[in-house]
């Protein structure tokens, strides 16, 4: 009886570990797009058309470069399920969105996004889909594309400078700043 209980306990631990591995893999499938979608939502809420365009350009560049590298470099995945391991597309997408958020809207947006991206990178290696070189390559590719295209967000300002005569005597300039 004790042997059966030990086998059942071992089986439950193994099933639990497999379920956790599947959870990590599935969660990285979903979370890899969260920083990019957050960047898009932030651009929409802030009526930041330039930011939305920058995000689109950086994401497209990261994905095109990622798939070109995957096609050119045939590297087996650690779990043996494919030959396109380098660079990690999940990590490239996650770090692209995080870098966009950090550079465009600041650290209050960027730090939580980078935490998600770090989890995605860890999760891809934990699930045996990539090794650390794959996720480092994806992170560098995604962040690099975002840093190339993204500029700091500033609200539109209207500055007017005009010559003025004050009380018919003093001459000078009048400046008006609307933001």
Protein backbone atom coordinates (compact mmCIF):
# COMPACT_ATOMS: atom_id res chain seq x y z
CA UNK A 1 0.00 0.00 0.00
CA UNK A 2 2.82 2.38 0.86
CA UNK A 3 4.44 1.76 -2.52
CA UNK A 4 1.20 2.59 -4.32
CA UNK A 5 0.90 5.83 -2.32
CA UNK A 6 4.52 6.73 -3.16
CA UNK A 7 3.91 6.05 -6.88
CA UNK A 8 0.72 8.12 -6.79
CA UNK A 9 2.48 10.98 -4.98
CA UNK A 10 5.31 10.89 -7.54
CA UNK A 11 2.78 10.84 -10.37
CA UNK A 12 0.94 13.84 -8.89
CA UNK A 13 4.21 15.79 -8.54
CA UNK A 14 5.13 14.96 -12.16
CA UNK A 15 1.69 15.94 -13.48
CA UNK A 16 1.81 19.16 -11.46
CA UNK A 17 5.28 19.98 -12.83
CA UNK A 18 4.11 19.31 -16.42
CA UNK A 19 1.05 21.48 -15.85
CA UNK A 20 3.23 24.29 -14.52
CA UNK A 21 5.55 24.00 -17.54
CA UNK A 22 2.53 24.21 -19.86
CA UNK A 23 1.25 27.18 -17.88
CA UNK A 24 4.57 28.99 -18.25
CA UNK A 25 4.69 28.25 -21.97
CA UNK A 26 1.08 29.34 -22.55
CA UNK A 27 1.42 32.44 -20.38
CA UNK A 28 4.43 33.60 -22.41
CA UNK A 29 2.37 33.11 -25.58
CA UNK A 30 -0.12 35.64 -24.23
CA UNK A 31 2.13 38.01 -22.27
CA UNK A 32 4.55 38.62 -25.15
CA UNK A 33 1.98 40.92 -26.80
CA UNK A 34 0.93 42.78 -23.63
CA UNK A 35 3.64 45.51 -23.75
CA UNK A 36 2.93 46.23 -27.43
CA UNK A 37 -0.84 46.32 -26.93
CA UNK A 38 -0.34 48.54 -23.87
CA UNK A 39 1.74 50.91 -26.01
CA UNK A 40 -1.00 51.01 -28.61
CA UNK A 41 -3.67 51.70 -25.98
CA UNK A 42 -1.51 54.44 -24.41
CA UNK A 43 -1.08 56.06 -27.82
CA UNK A 44 -4.84 55.96 -28.44
CA UNK A 45 -5.73 57.34 -25.00
CA UNK A 46 -3.17 60.15 -25.31
CA UNK A 47 -4.30 60.88 -28.90
CA UNK A 48 -0.67 60.26 -29.86
CA UNK A 49 -0.80 59.44 -33.57
CA UNK A 50 2.95 59.88 -33.93
CA UNK A 51 3.51 57.36 -31.13
CA UNK A 52 1.17 54.83 -32.76
CA UNK A 53 3.07 55.17 -36.04
CA UNK A 54 6.42 54.81 -34.25
CA UNK A 55 5.16 51.69 -32.46
CA UNK A 56 3.92 50.22 -35.73
CA UNK A 57 7.21 50.90 -37.51
CA UNK A 58 9.33 49.49 -34.70
CA UNK A 59 7.16 46.39 -34.31
CA UNK A 60 7.15 45.72 -38.05
CA UNK A 61 10.92 46.19 -38.22
CA UNK A 62 11.53 43.88 -35.26
CA UNK A 63 9.29 41.15 -36.69
CA UNK A 64 10.68 41.35 -40.25
CA UNK A 65 14.26 41.28 -38.96
CA UNK A 66 13.40 38.46 -36.55
CA UNK A 67 11.85 36.25 -39.24
CA UNK A 68 14.71 37.00 -41.65
CA UNK A 69 17.22 35.89 -39.03
CA UNK A 70 15.18 32.78 -38.22
CA UNK A 71 15.17 31.87 -41.91
CA UNK A 72 18.90 32.51 -42.29
CA UNK A 73 20.01 30.80 -39.08
CA UNK A 74 18.77 27.26 -38.62
CA UNK A 75 19.21 26.53 -34.94
CA UNK A 76 17.35 23.69 -33.26
CA UNK A 77 15.09 24.43 -30.32
CA UNK A 78 16.18 22.85 -27.03
CA UNK A 79 13.02 20.71 -26.93
CA UNK A 80 13.54 19.54 -30.54
CA UNK A 81 10.23 20.94 -31.88
CA UNK A 82 11.69 23.13 -34.59
CA UNK A 83 14.71 24.58 -36.34
CA UNK A 84 14.01 28.28 -35.94
CA UNK A 85 15.12 29.05 -32.40
CA UNK A 86 17.27 32.15 -32.95
CA UNK A 87 16.15 34.80 -32.18
CA UNK A 88 13.11 34.40 -29.96
CA UNK A 89 10.10 36.07 -31.58
CA UNK A 90 8.18 36.16 -28.29
CA UNK A 91 11.04 37.98 -26.57
CA UNK A 92 11.60 40.36 -29.48
CA UNK A 93 7.95 41.36 -29.47
CA UNK A 94 7.83 41.79 -25.69
CA UNK A 95 11.00 43.88 -25.48
CA UNK A 96 9.95 45.97 -28.47
CA UNK A 97 6.77 47.04 -26.67
CA UNK A 98 8.59 47.59 -23.38
CA UNK A 99 11.30 49.73 -24.94
CA UNK A 100 8.67 51.77 -26.76
CA UNK A 101 6.78 52.38 -23.50
CA UNK A 102 9.93 53.29 -21.61
CA UNK A 103 11.26 55.73 -24.19
CA UNK A 104 7.93 57.26 -25.23
CA UNK A 105 6.06 57.50 -21.90
CA UNK A 106 8.74 57.10 -19.22
CA UNK A 107 9.75 54.71 -16.49
CA UNK A 108 6.29 54.44 -14.89
CA UNK A 109 5.15 52.62 -18.03
CA UNK A 110 8.48 51.02 -18.89
CA UNK A 111 9.42 49.30 -15.64
CA UNK A 112 6.27 47.13 -15.36
CA UNK A 113 6.51 46.35 -19.08
CA UNK A 114 10.14 45.28 -18.70
CA UNK A 115 9.11 43.01 -15.79
CA UNK A 116 6.64 41.29 -18.13
CA UNK A 117 9.29 41.03 -20.84
CA UNK A 118 11.78 39.53 -18.40
CA UNK A 119 9.18 36.92 -17.43
CA UNK A 120 8.61 36.12 -21.11
CA UNK A 121 12.37 35.66 -21.64
CA UNK A 122 12.66 33.46 -18.56
CA UNK A 123 9.53 31.50 -19.50
CA UNK A 124 10.76 30.73 -23.02
CA UNK A 125 13.94 29.22 -21.58
CA UNK A 126 12.06 27.47 -18.76
CA UNK A 127 9.69 25.85 -21.26
CA UNK A 128 12.71 24.67 -23.30
CA UNK A 129 11.64 26.61 -26.38
CA UNK A 130 14.83 28.69 -26.38
CA UNK A 131 18.18 28.97 -24.70
CA UNK A 132 19.55 32.21 -23.24
CA UNK A 133 21.28 33.24 -26.48
CA UNK A 134 17.96 33.05 -28.32
CA UNK A 135 16.15 35.28 -25.83
CA UNK A 136 19.06 37.72 -25.58
CA UNK A 137 19.07 38.02 -29.37
CA UNK A 138 15.31 38.58 -29.42
CA UNK A 139 15.50 41.14 -26.62
CA UNK A 140 18.28 43.07 -28.36
CA UNK A 141 16.44 42.99 -31.68
CA UNK A 142 13.11 44.15 -30.21
CA UNK A 143 14.61 46.85 -28.00
CA UNK A 144 16.90 48.06 -30.77
CA UNK A 145 14.04 48.50 -33.24
CA UNK A 146 12.02 50.46 -30.68
CA UNK A 147 14.94 52.69 -29.74
CA UNK A 148 15.58 53.53 -33.40
CA UNK A 149 12.02 54.66 -34.15
CA UNK A 150 10.70 55.97 -30.83
CA UNK A 151 10.93 59.55 -29.58
CA UNK A 152 9.93 60.96 -26.21
CA UNK A 153 6.27 61.94 -25.99
CA UNK A 154 5.50 65.63 -25.69
CA UNK A 155 2.13 67.26 -25.94
CA UNK A 156 1.74 69.66 -28.85
CA UNK A 157 2.61 73.18 -27.86
CA UNK A 158 1.85 76.46 -29.57
CA UNK A 159 4.45 79.17 -29.16
CA UNK A 160 3.84 82.67 -30.48
CA UNK A 161 6.43 85.44 -30.34
CA UNK A 162 5.48 88.88 -31.65
CA UNK A 163 6.83 92.42 -31.49
CA UNK A 164 4.96 94.70 -29.11
CA UNK A 165 4.71 98.33 -28.10
CA UNK A 166 3.63 98.77 -24.51
CA UNK A 167 1.96 102.07 -23.43
CA UNK A 168 3.15 103.71 -26.66
CA UNK A 169 6.62 104.00 -25.26
CA UNK A 170 8.34 100.69 -24.46
CA UNK A 171 9.17 98.36 -27.25
CA UNK A 172 9.79 94.64 -26.89
CA UNK A 173 8.56 91.13 -27.57
CA UNK A 174 5.49 89.34 -26.32
CA UNK A 175 5.62 85.55 -26.03
CA UNK A 176 2.63 83.27 -25.63
CA UNK A 177 2.88 79.57 -24.83
CA UNK A 178 -0.20 77.35 -25.07
CA UNK A 179 0.08 73.72 -23.99
